[in-house]
Amino acid sequence: MHTLEIYSAPGSRDKVRSFADYKIGNIRLAKHLGINDDFSAIEVDRDYAKQLLLRMPSCLASGRVPLYLCGCCADLGCGAVTVKVEDLGDRIKWSDIGWESNWKQGFSQNDWMNRTGPFYFDKIVYLSALQVYAKR
């Protein structure tokens, strides 16, 4: 079982700006995936946190949930790093991290994304880590 924490990660270009990132065990997800200046979806809109919590359906036709959005405009049209989220009863599973947009079907993965996960989280700990972002 993996642990999930949300922490404040520094942006690489703009040292003043930081963003909420996901720490899964010892993996700092944005750094692991090479994401430096994107926005964390859970900070842009609380609906993305609700989607990660499976409290509302995904805004994407694929059913996947955005994790990171374009660092310039935070628009799904520019593309997003997304994840498949599944409720397994007492666990939550994240798998198939990839890149997609709301105007093009399908998703793609680079080598790092393809080799990342799946991650299994204790449901209670998972809900606790994300629910504050659903209330903002």
Protein backbone atom coordinates (compact mmCIF):
# COMPACT_ATOMS: atom_id res chain seq x y z
CA MET A 1 0.00 0.00 0.00
CA HIS A 2 1.31 3.45 -0.88
CA THR A 3 1.00 6.62 1.18
CA LEU A 4 -0.27 9.87 -0.34
CA GLU A 5 0.67 13.33 0.87
CA ILE A 6 0.10 16.71 -0.71
CA TYR A 7 3.04 19.10 -0.31
CA SER A 8 4.13 22.48 -1.70
CA ALA A 9 6.58 21.98 -4.57
CA PRO A 10 8.61 24.86 -6.02
CA GLY A 11 8.22 25.77 -9.69
CA SER A 12 11.45 25.61 -11.68
CA ARG A 13 11.19 28.81 -13.74
CA ASP A 14 9.37 30.97 -11.24
CA LYS A 15 10.93 30.33 -7.84
CA VAL A 16 8.21 32.46 -6.22
CA ARG A 17 5.37 30.26 -7.44
CA SER A 18 4.85 26.87 -5.85
CA PHE A 19 2.16 24.28 -6.46
CA ALA A 20 0.47 21.45 -4.61
CA ASP A 21 2.12 18.21 -5.59
CA TYR A 22 1.55 14.57 -4.80
CA LYS A 23 4.08 12.65 -2.75
CA ILE A 24 3.50 8.93 -3.11
CA GLY A 25 5.74 7.08 -0.70
CA ASN A 26 9.17 8.58 -1.49
CA ILE A 27 8.17 9.67 -5.01
CA ARG A 28 7.57 13.35 -5.59
CA LEU A 29 5.32 12.85 -8.59
CA ALA A 30 5.91 16.07 -10.54
CA LYS A 31 9.68 15.75 -10.22
CA HIS A 32 9.52 12.05 -11.11
CA LEU A 33 7.51 12.83 -14.27
CA GLY A 34 9.62 15.86 -15.21
CA ILE A 35 6.79 18.34 -14.61
CA ASN A 36 8.20 21.70 -13.56
CA ASP A 37 5.82 24.54 -14.17
CA ASP A 38 2.35 23.11 -14.61
CA PHE A 39 -0.51 23.84 -12.27
CA SER A 40 -1.77 21.17 -9.94
CA ALA A 41 -5.36 20.54 -11.03
CA ILE A 42 -6.61 20.36 -7.43
CA GLU A 43 -5.53 23.97 -6.90
CA VAL A 44 -7.13 25.29 -10.07
CA ASP A 45 -10.65 23.97 -9.49
CA ARG A 46 -12.09 22.02 -6.56
CA ASP A 47 -14.05 19.91 -9.06
CA TYR A 48 -10.78 18.18 -10.00
CA ALA A 49 -10.29 17.21 -6.36
CA LYS A 50 -13.88 15.92 -6.30
CA GLN A 51 -13.08 13.86 -9.39
CA LEU A 52 -9.98 12.39 -7.72
CA LEU A 53 -12.18 11.59 -4.72
CA LEU A 54 -14.69 9.96 -7.12
CA ARG A 55 -17.43 12.27 -5.83
CA MET A 56 -18.19 13.53 -9.32
CA PRO A 57 -17.60 12.10 -12.80
CA SER A 58 -14.52 13.04 -14.76
CA CYS A 59 -14.74 16.07 -17.04
CA LEU A 60 -12.91 14.03 -19.72
CA ALA A 61 -14.64 11.58 -22.06
CA SER A 62 -12.01 8.98 -21.16
CA GLY A 63 -13.11 9.02 -17.51
CA ARG A 64 -9.55 9.82 -16.46
CA VAL A 65 -8.86 12.64 -13.98
CA PRO A 66 -6.49 15.60 -14.45
CA LEU A 67 -3.49 15.81 -12.09
CA TYR A 68 -1.53 18.66 -13.73
CA LEU A 69 -2.66 21.40 -16.14
CA CYS A 70 -0.89 23.82 -18.48
CA GLY A 71 1.24 26.23 -16.43
CA CYS A 72 0.29 29.19 -18.63
CA CYS A 73 -3.49 28.95 -18.80
CA ALA A 74 -4.60 25.85 -16.83
CA ASP A 75 -6.82 24.88 -19.78
CA LEU A 76 -7.57 21.24 -20.61
CA GLY A 77 -7.36 22.21 -24.28
CA CYS A 78 -3.59 22.61 -23.92
CA GLY A 79 -3.42 19.13 -22.47
CA ALA A 80 -3.14 17.65 -19.00
CA VAL A 81 -1.38 14.87 -17.18
CA THR A 82 -4.18 12.54 -16.16
CA VAL A 83 -4.67 9.33 -14.20
CA LYS A 84 -7.18 6.50 -14.10
CA VAL A 85 -8.73 6.36 -10.60
CA GLU A 86 -10.56 3.27 -9.34
CA ASP A 87 -12.38 2.54 -6.09
CA LEU A 88 -11.49 -0.97 -4.93
CA GLY A 89 -13.54 -0.92 -1.74
CA ASP A 90 -11.04 -0.23 1.04
CA ARG A 91 -8.38 0.95 -1.44
CA ILE A 92 -8.06 3.49 -4.25
CA LYS A 93 -5.97 2.65 -7.30
CA TRP A 94 -4.16 5.14 -9.56
CA SER A 95 -2.92 3.72 -12.86
CA ASP A 96 -2.11 4.62 -16.45
CA ILE A 97 -0.70 8.10 -15.88
CA GLY A 98 -0.65 9.79 -19.26
CA TRP A 99 -1.11 12.93 -21.33
CA GLU A 100 -4.42 13.94 -22.93
CA SER A 101 -6.62 16.92 -23.77
CA ASN A 102 -10.36 17.54 -23.84
CA TRP A 103 -10.46 17.96 -27.62
CA LYS A 104 -8.65 14.81 -28.74
CA GLN A 105 -9.57 11.21 -27.85
CA GLY A 106 -7.03 8.90 -26.30
CA PHE A 107 -3.97 9.50 -24.22
CA SER A 108 -0.25 9.04 -24.64
CA GLN A 109 2.55 8.11 -22.28
CA ASN A 110 6.25 8.77 -22.23
CA ASP A 111 8.65 6.21 -20.72
CA TRP A 112 8.42 7.69 -17.22
CA MET A 113 4.64 7.70 -17.27
CA ASN A 114 4.53 4.16 -18.61
CA ARG A 115 6.77 2.93 -15.78
CA THR A 116 4.98 4.85 -13.02
CA GLY A 117 2.42 3.03 -10.90
CA PRO A 118 0.02 1.55 -10.37
CA PHE A 119 -0.38 3.01 -6.91
CA TYR A 120 -2.71 1.61 -4.25
CA PHE A 121 -3.82 3.84 -1.38
CA ASP A 122 -5.68 3.08 1.83
CA LYS A 123 -9.05 4.71 1.12
CA ILE A 124 -9.33 6.55 4.46
CA VAL A 125 -5.84 8.04 4.20
CA TYR A 126 -6.44 8.94 0.53
CA LEU A 127 -9.71 10.74 1.28
CA SER A 128 -8.09 12.59 4.17
CA ALA A 129 -5.21 13.87 1.98
CA LEU A 130 -7.48 15.25 -0.77
CA GLN A 131 -10.74 16.33 0.84
CA VAL A 132 -9.45 19.75 1.91
CA TYR A 133 -9.00 20.62 -1.79
CA ALA A 134 -12.61 19.63 -2.57
CA LYS A 135 -13.87 22.19 -0.03
CA ARG A 136 -11.91 25.23 -1.19
